[in-house]
Every structure is written in C-alpha cells, then in structure tokens.
Amino acid sequence: MNALHAGTRAGTRAGTRAAARAARADRTSHETGQRTLVLRLLSLLLQYPDAELAAERPALAGAAEALQPSPAAAELTAFTAWFAGQPRDALERHYVEMFDLRRKSGLYLTYYLHGDTRRRGMALLALAQRYRAAGWDAGAAELPDHLPVVLEFAALEGPRGEAPLRQHRRGLELIRHALADAGSPYRHLLAALLTLLPPPTDADLEAVAELAAAGPPAEEVGLDPYAGDLFAPPQTFVPPAPAPPTLIPLLPTRTKEGHR
C-alpha cells in the first residue's frame, strides 16, 4: 500500500511538473507573440503617415488597446489616441518636422553611432548583409538602418533580430530625449521600444548626454563604402542643419515612396 501511495505521489509530482512546464511554455509563447506584435506596431507607426497608413488608424488603435497590460502597451495606446485624432496633413507636417528636419530625432540609426564617416557606410553594409543572411529582403526603398526597417526585421526574426536595436540603444535614447524635448507624441513610441531593451547603464547615459551636446562624429566624406552589389540605396542620406541642443541630465527604435 505504501509503495502504491508512493508511486501515486511520484506520478502526481511528475504530472504537476509537466503541467508547470506546459504552462511556462504557453506563457512564453504568449509573451513572445505580444512582443512581436509590439514591434510590428512600432514599425508601422514610425512610418510616414501616408493615406494608406492614415486609413488604418482605427485598426492600429484597436490592436494597441488589445495588448496585455505592460509599460509598452501603455505608451502605444497613449500614442494611438493622439494619432487617431489628428488631421492627416497635420500628421504629415509633424512627421517631417520631427524626423526630417532635426538631426537628433532622425530615424537613421547608424548616423548616431558613426556620424558622417566612412564607418557609417560599412555599418550600413553590415546591416544589409545581416538581413540577407537571414533570408530577408528589405527592399531598396529605404536605407537598412531606418528604424521602421530595423523594427520589422526584429519582429520577423525574434530575439536574434533584435541585436541591431540593442547595438543602437544609445541612439534610440537620444531620439527619445529629443522627441520629448520637442513635446512630440512620437516620444511614446520610442519609450515603448526602450521598455523592451535592457536598461541603460551609467555609461550609456553619459554617452547619450555627450552625443546630445557634441553630436555624432563628422568626416567630410560621402558613403563611398556602398561599392559593389551588396547594397545600393537609391540616394544617400544628407543630414539637415543642426537642431538646438537637447538637454539631458546626467544620472549617477511606412515611409512615403522615396522619402528620406
């Protein structure tokens, strides 16, 4: 009898462990799905608000509201509430002002790390090669470091695809600060993205402050490393005139055709 009870208890424990593993797997799968959806929404909402994207605003707002409660979901719903209520022409003007006319809130990530140097061209090539190695064709409509493109890759590839976002965390932090400094609702999208990445270190925050004050490295060259057939953008990115300094206290992540 004792042996029977012991066997029953052992079987119960094994069943409980199996159920716990299944529950963890279900939870992990659900969390992964939510994370992918957040990345997809960010990729869409950070694109130029053309007629097609503007028409999808109710669906995008509904998708944000359907997310499980999280800091990222709260930031997304705050943005979509504003986004849904704006006239399209106002959205277009605001997008151009925030992302085309300001150096410190542009969406081309390698610019913040390498500035106007030869290293930026090589970084763009490396990013394009990463996409191709994963079997993904980003197309030629945008540079491979354009944040919506990087976000789409992350959504498709999962954790491995998020490596470029982590690599450019300091640039993303600077964009968020610049958007917040300008009072732009797009700051909510960058804040949502940053909740998915590891917290910044003190070194990260110091580097962001220095980047905000001094700007990225500069070098009087073009993007010459775009040689060969690895990647050939339709046009190169020419940064606009410098914007006013972004103040960051030191503490102890669908474009219109041809749009740049």
Protein backbone atom coordinates (compact mmCIF):
# COMPACT_ATOMS: atom_id res chain seq x y z
CA MET A 1 0.00 0.00 0.00
CA ASN A 2 2.79 2.40 0.91
CA ALA A 3 4.53 1.56 -2.34
CA LEU A 4 1.30 2.22 -4.19
CA HIS A 5 0.87 5.57 -2.43
CA ALA A 6 4.49 6.45 -3.12
CA GLY A 7 4.05 5.61 -6.78
CA THR A 8 0.86 7.71 -6.90
CA ARG A 9 2.60 10.64 -5.26
CA ALA A 10 5.53 10.36 -7.66
CA GLY A 11 3.15 10.23 -10.60
CA THR A 12 1.28 13.26 -9.28
CA ARG A 13 4.50 15.18 -8.86
CA ALA A 14 5.60 14.26 -12.38
CA GLY A 15 2.22 15.33 -13.74
CA THR A 16 2.44 18.61 -11.83
CA ARG A 17 5.91 19.30 -13.19
CA ALA A 18 4.76 18.52 -16.72
CA ALA A 19 1.77 20.83 -16.30
CA ALA A 20 4.03 23.59 -14.95
CA ARG A 21 6.39 23.19 -17.91
CA ALA A 22 3.44 23.34 -20.31
CA ALA A 23 2.12 26.45 -18.56
CA ARG A 24 5.53 28.11 -18.77
CA ALA A 25 5.77 27.22 -22.45
CA ASP A 26 2.30 28.66 -23.10
CA ARG A 27 3.19 31.81 -21.18
CA THR A 28 6.47 32.18 -23.04
CA SER A 29 4.74 31.67 -26.37
CA HIS A 30 2.10 34.26 -25.46
CA GLU A 31 4.72 36.78 -24.29
CA THR A 32 6.69 36.24 -27.49
CA GLY A 33 3.57 36.86 -29.53
CA GLN A 34 2.85 40.06 -27.61
CA ARG A 35 6.43 41.26 -28.07
CA THR A 36 6.27 40.57 -31.80
CA LEU A 37 3.01 42.49 -32.07
CA VAL A 38 4.51 45.46 -30.21
CA LEU A 39 7.48 45.50 -32.59
CA ARG A 40 5.19 45.29 -35.63
CA LEU A 41 3.03 48.14 -34.35
CA LEU A 42 6.10 50.28 -33.69
CA SER A 43 7.41 49.58 -37.18
CA LEU A 44 4.13 50.69 -38.74
CA LEU A 45 3.51 53.72 -36.53
CA LEU A 46 7.02 55.09 -37.10
CA GLN A 47 6.50 55.16 -40.85
CA TYR A 48 5.44 58.22 -42.81
CA PRO A 49 1.67 58.77 -42.29
CA ASP A 50 0.59 58.49 -45.92
CA ALA A 51 -3.01 57.86 -47.00
CA GLU A 52 -2.71 54.09 -46.58
CA LEU A 53 -1.34 54.28 -43.04
CA ALA A 54 -3.81 57.00 -42.05
CA ALA A 55 -6.69 54.80 -43.19
CA GLU A 56 -5.50 52.04 -40.85
CA ARG A 57 -5.54 54.21 -37.73
CA PRO A 58 -8.66 52.65 -36.17
CA ALA A 59 -7.24 49.15 -36.64
CA LEU A 60 -3.87 50.17 -35.22
CA ALA A 61 -5.50 51.78 -32.20
CA GLY A 62 -7.58 48.65 -31.65
CA ALA A 63 -4.50 46.43 -31.83
CA ALA A 64 -2.72 48.61 -29.26
CA GLU A 65 -5.70 48.53 -26.91
CA ALA A 66 -5.90 44.73 -27.20
CA LEU A 67 -2.35 44.25 -25.93
CA GLN A 68 -1.84 42.75 -22.49
CA PRO A 69 -1.16 45.48 -19.89
CA SER A 70 2.51 46.48 -19.92
CA PRO A 71 4.59 49.67 -19.99
CA ALA A 72 4.98 49.28 -23.77
CA ALA A 73 1.22 48.85 -24.24
CA ALA A 74 0.52 51.98 -22.17
CA GLU A 75 2.90 54.03 -24.31
CA LEU A 76 1.40 52.66 -27.53
CA THR A 77 -2.18 53.45 -26.52
CA ALA A 78 -1.14 56.97 -25.50
CA PHE A 79 0.31 57.49 -28.96
CA THR A 80 -2.53 55.94 -30.94
CA ALA A 81 -5.10 58.06 -29.08
CA TRP A 82 -3.32 61.17 -30.38
CA PHE A 83 -2.57 59.67 -33.79
CA ALA A 84 -6.20 58.72 -34.47
CA GLY A 85 -7.49 62.21 -33.74
CA GLN A 86 -5.17 64.29 -35.93
CA PRO A 87 -5.90 65.52 -39.48
CA ARG A 88 -3.70 63.71 -41.93
CA ASP A 89 -1.99 66.85 -43.21
CA ALA A 90 -1.10 67.80 -39.65
CA LEU A 91 0.37 64.34 -39.11
CA GLU A 92 2.47 64.65 -42.25
CA ARG A 93 3.82 68.06 -41.24
CA HIS A 94 4.63 66.88 -37.75
CA TYR A 95 6.39 63.75 -39.02
CA VAL A 96 8.58 65.73 -41.42
CA GLU A 97 9.41 68.29 -38.73
CA MET A 98 10.38 65.66 -36.18
CA PHE A 99 12.21 63.14 -38.34
CA ASP A 100 13.48 65.00 -41.41
CA LEU A 101 14.37 68.45 -40.12
CA ARG A 102 16.11 67.57 -36.86
CA ARG A 103 19.44 65.81 -36.58
CA LYS A 104 18.78 64.48 -33.10
CA SER A 105 15.50 62.77 -33.84
CA GLY A 106 16.15 61.32 -37.30
CA LEU A 107 15.37 57.63 -37.71
CA TYR A 108 18.65 56.53 -39.35
CA LEU A 109 20.35 54.69 -36.51
CA THR A 110 23.92 54.34 -37.79
CA TYR A 111 24.17 58.14 -38.00
CA TYR A 112 24.18 58.39 -34.19
CA LEU A 113 26.92 55.81 -33.83
CA HIS A 114 29.16 56.82 -36.73
CA GLY A 115 28.05 60.24 -37.96
CA ASP A 116 29.13 61.32 -41.45
CA THR A 117 32.11 58.98 -41.60
CA ARG A 118 33.26 56.04 -43.69
CA ARG A 119 32.42 53.78 -40.77
CA ARG A 120 28.75 54.55 -41.28
CA GLY A 121 28.87 53.20 -44.82
CA MET A 122 30.46 49.98 -43.59
CA ALA A 123 27.87 49.68 -40.82
CA LEU A 124 25.08 50.01 -43.38
CA LEU A 125 26.66 47.29 -45.49
CA ALA A 126 26.97 45.00 -42.48
CA LEU A 127 23.32 45.55 -41.61
CA ALA A 128 22.21 44.80 -45.16
CA GLN A 129 24.31 41.63 -45.10
CA ARG A 130 22.66 40.59 -41.81
CA TYR A 131 19.26 40.88 -43.46
CA ARG A 132 20.33 38.86 -46.47
CA ALA A 133 21.93 36.17 -44.31
CA ALA A 134 18.56 35.74 -42.60
CA GLY A 135 16.89 35.40 -45.99
CA TRP A 136 15.11 38.72 -45.67
CA ASP A 137 14.87 41.29 -48.44
CA ALA A 138 14.30 44.76 -47.01
CA GLY A 139 13.88 46.26 -50.48
CA ALA A 140 15.60 49.35 -51.80
CA ALA A 141 13.03 51.97 -50.77
CA GLU A 142 14.86 52.77 -47.53
CA LEU A 143 18.31 52.52 -46.00
CA PRO A 144 18.74 49.39 -43.86
CA ASP A 145 19.24 51.42 -40.67
CA HIS A 146 15.89 53.23 -40.94
CA LEU A 147 14.20 52.43 -37.63
CA PRO A 148 10.93 51.04 -39.08
CA VAL A 149 13.01 48.64 -41.21
CA VAL A 150 15.08 47.54 -38.20
CA LEU A 151 11.89 47.02 -36.18
CA GLU A 152 10.28 44.91 -38.90
CA PHE A 153 13.37 42.70 -39.01
CA ALA A 154 13.25 42.30 -35.22
CA ALA A 155 9.57 41.33 -35.37
CA LEU A 156 10.24 38.73 -38.06
CA GLU A 157 13.42 37.23 -36.61
CA GLY A 158 12.71 37.25 -32.89
CA PRO A 159 15.49 37.68 -30.30
CA ARG A 160 18.30 37.36 -32.87
CA GLY A 161 16.68 40.07 -34.95
CA GLU A 162 16.72 42.48 -32.01
CA ALA A 163 20.53 42.66 -31.95
CA PRO A 164 20.66 45.84 -34.10
CA LEU A 165 18.25 47.54 -31.70
CA ARG A 166 20.43 46.68 -28.74
CA GLN A 167 23.53 47.83 -30.62
CA HIS A 168 21.94 51.23 -31.24
CA ARG A 169 20.39 51.69 -27.82
CA ARG A 170 22.21 54.97 -27.17
CA GLY A 171 20.94 56.44 -30.43
CA LEU A 172 17.40 55.34 -29.57
CA GLU A 173 17.73 57.01 -26.16
CA LEU A 174 18.85 60.24 -27.81
CA ILE A 175 15.90 60.15 -30.23
CA ARG A 176 13.50 59.67 -27.31
CA HIS A 177 15.00 62.58 -25.39
CA ALA A 178 14.90 64.82 -28.47
CA LEU A 179 11.24 63.97 -29.15
CA ALA A 180 10.36 64.57 -25.52
CA ASP A 181 12.23 67.87 -25.59
CA ALA A 182 10.16 68.86 -28.67
CA GLY A 183 6.91 67.78 -27.00
CA SER A 184 6.20 65.24 -29.75
CA PRO A 185 3.77 62.38 -29.10
CA TYR A 186 6.19 60.18 -31.04
CA ARG A 187 8.19 60.09 -27.82
CA HIS A 188 5.69 57.43 -26.65
CA LEU A 189 6.79 55.07 -29.42
CA LEU A 190 10.47 55.37 -28.52
CA ALA A 191 9.61 54.94 -24.86
CA ALA A 192 7.64 51.79 -25.69
CA LEU A 193 10.59 50.39 -27.65
CA LEU A 194 13.09 51.13 -24.90
CA THR A 195 11.00 49.13 -22.39
CA LEU A 196 11.82 46.05 -24.49
CA LEU A 197 15.58 46.59 -24.29
CA PRO A 198 17.99 46.15 -21.36
CA PRO A 199 18.06 49.18 -19.02
CA PRO A 200 20.72 51.79 -19.83
CA THR A 201 23.94 51.74 -17.87
CA ASP A 202 25.53 54.84 -16.38
CA ALA A 203 27.99 54.72 -19.28
CA ASP A 204 25.07 54.69 -21.72
CA LEU A 205 23.51 57.76 -20.13
CA GLU A 206 26.81 59.63 -20.10
CA ALA A 207 27.38 58.77 -23.76
CA VAL A 208 23.89 59.98 -24.68
CA ALA A 209 24.49 63.27 -22.87
CA GLU A 210 27.79 63.73 -24.72
CA LEU A 211 26.13 62.84 -28.03
CA ALA A 212 23.37 65.38 -27.38
CA ALA A 213 25.92 68.08 -26.62
CA ALA A 214 28.56 67.41 -29.28
CA GLY A 215 26.74 65.41 -31.94
CA PRO A 216 27.98 62.32 -33.79
CA PRO A 217 31.46 62.06 -35.34
CA ALA A 218 31.94 64.10 -38.50
CA GLU A 219 34.05 63.49 -41.56
CA GLU A 220 33.93 65.21 -44.93
CA VAL A 221 33.20 62.10 -46.98
CA GLY A 222 30.23 60.52 -48.66
CA LEU A 223 29.02 56.96 -48.27
CA ASP A 224 31.75 55.56 -50.55
CA PRO A 225 31.69 52.08 -48.98
CA TYR A 226 28.46 51.40 -50.92
CA ALA A 227 30.54 49.71 -53.57
CA GLY A 228 29.68 46.53 -55.42
CA ASP A 229 26.25 44.89 -55.46
CA LEU A 230 25.83 44.19 -51.74
CA PHE A 231 23.64 47.23 -51.19
CA ALA A 232 22.96 50.23 -53.37
CA PRO A 233 20.48 52.74 -51.93
CA PRO A 234 18.61 54.93 -54.40
CA GLN A 235 20.04 58.02 -52.74
CA THR A 236 22.23 58.82 -49.80
CA PHE A 237 21.06 60.44 -46.60
CA VAL A 238 22.09 64.08 -46.17
CA PRO A 239 21.64 65.21 -42.56
CA PRO A 240 19.80 68.51 -42.08
CA ALA A 241 21.14 71.56 -40.29
CA PRO A 242 21.86 71.10 -36.58
CA ALA A 243 18.94 71.43 -34.21
CA PRO A 244 19.10 73.28 -30.85
CA PRO A 245 20.82 71.30 -28.10
CA THR A 246 18.75 68.65 -26.35
CA LEU A 247 19.09 68.96 -22.59
CA ILE A 248 19.60 65.60 -20.89
CA PRO A 249 20.53 65.46 -17.18
CA LEU A 250 23.43 63.24 -16.26
CA LEU A 251 22.38 60.48 -13.87
CA PRO A 252 24.64 58.78 -11.03
CA THR A 253 13.59 52.12 -32.23
CA ARG A 254 5.63 53.07 -43.97
CA THR A 255 7.63 55.74 -45.45
CA LYS A 256 6.30 57.55 -48.47
CA GLU A 257 7.98 56.43 -51.69
CA GLY A 258 11.40 57.96 -51.99
CA HIS A 259 11.04 59.69 -48.57
CA ARG A 260 14.22 60.38 -46.58
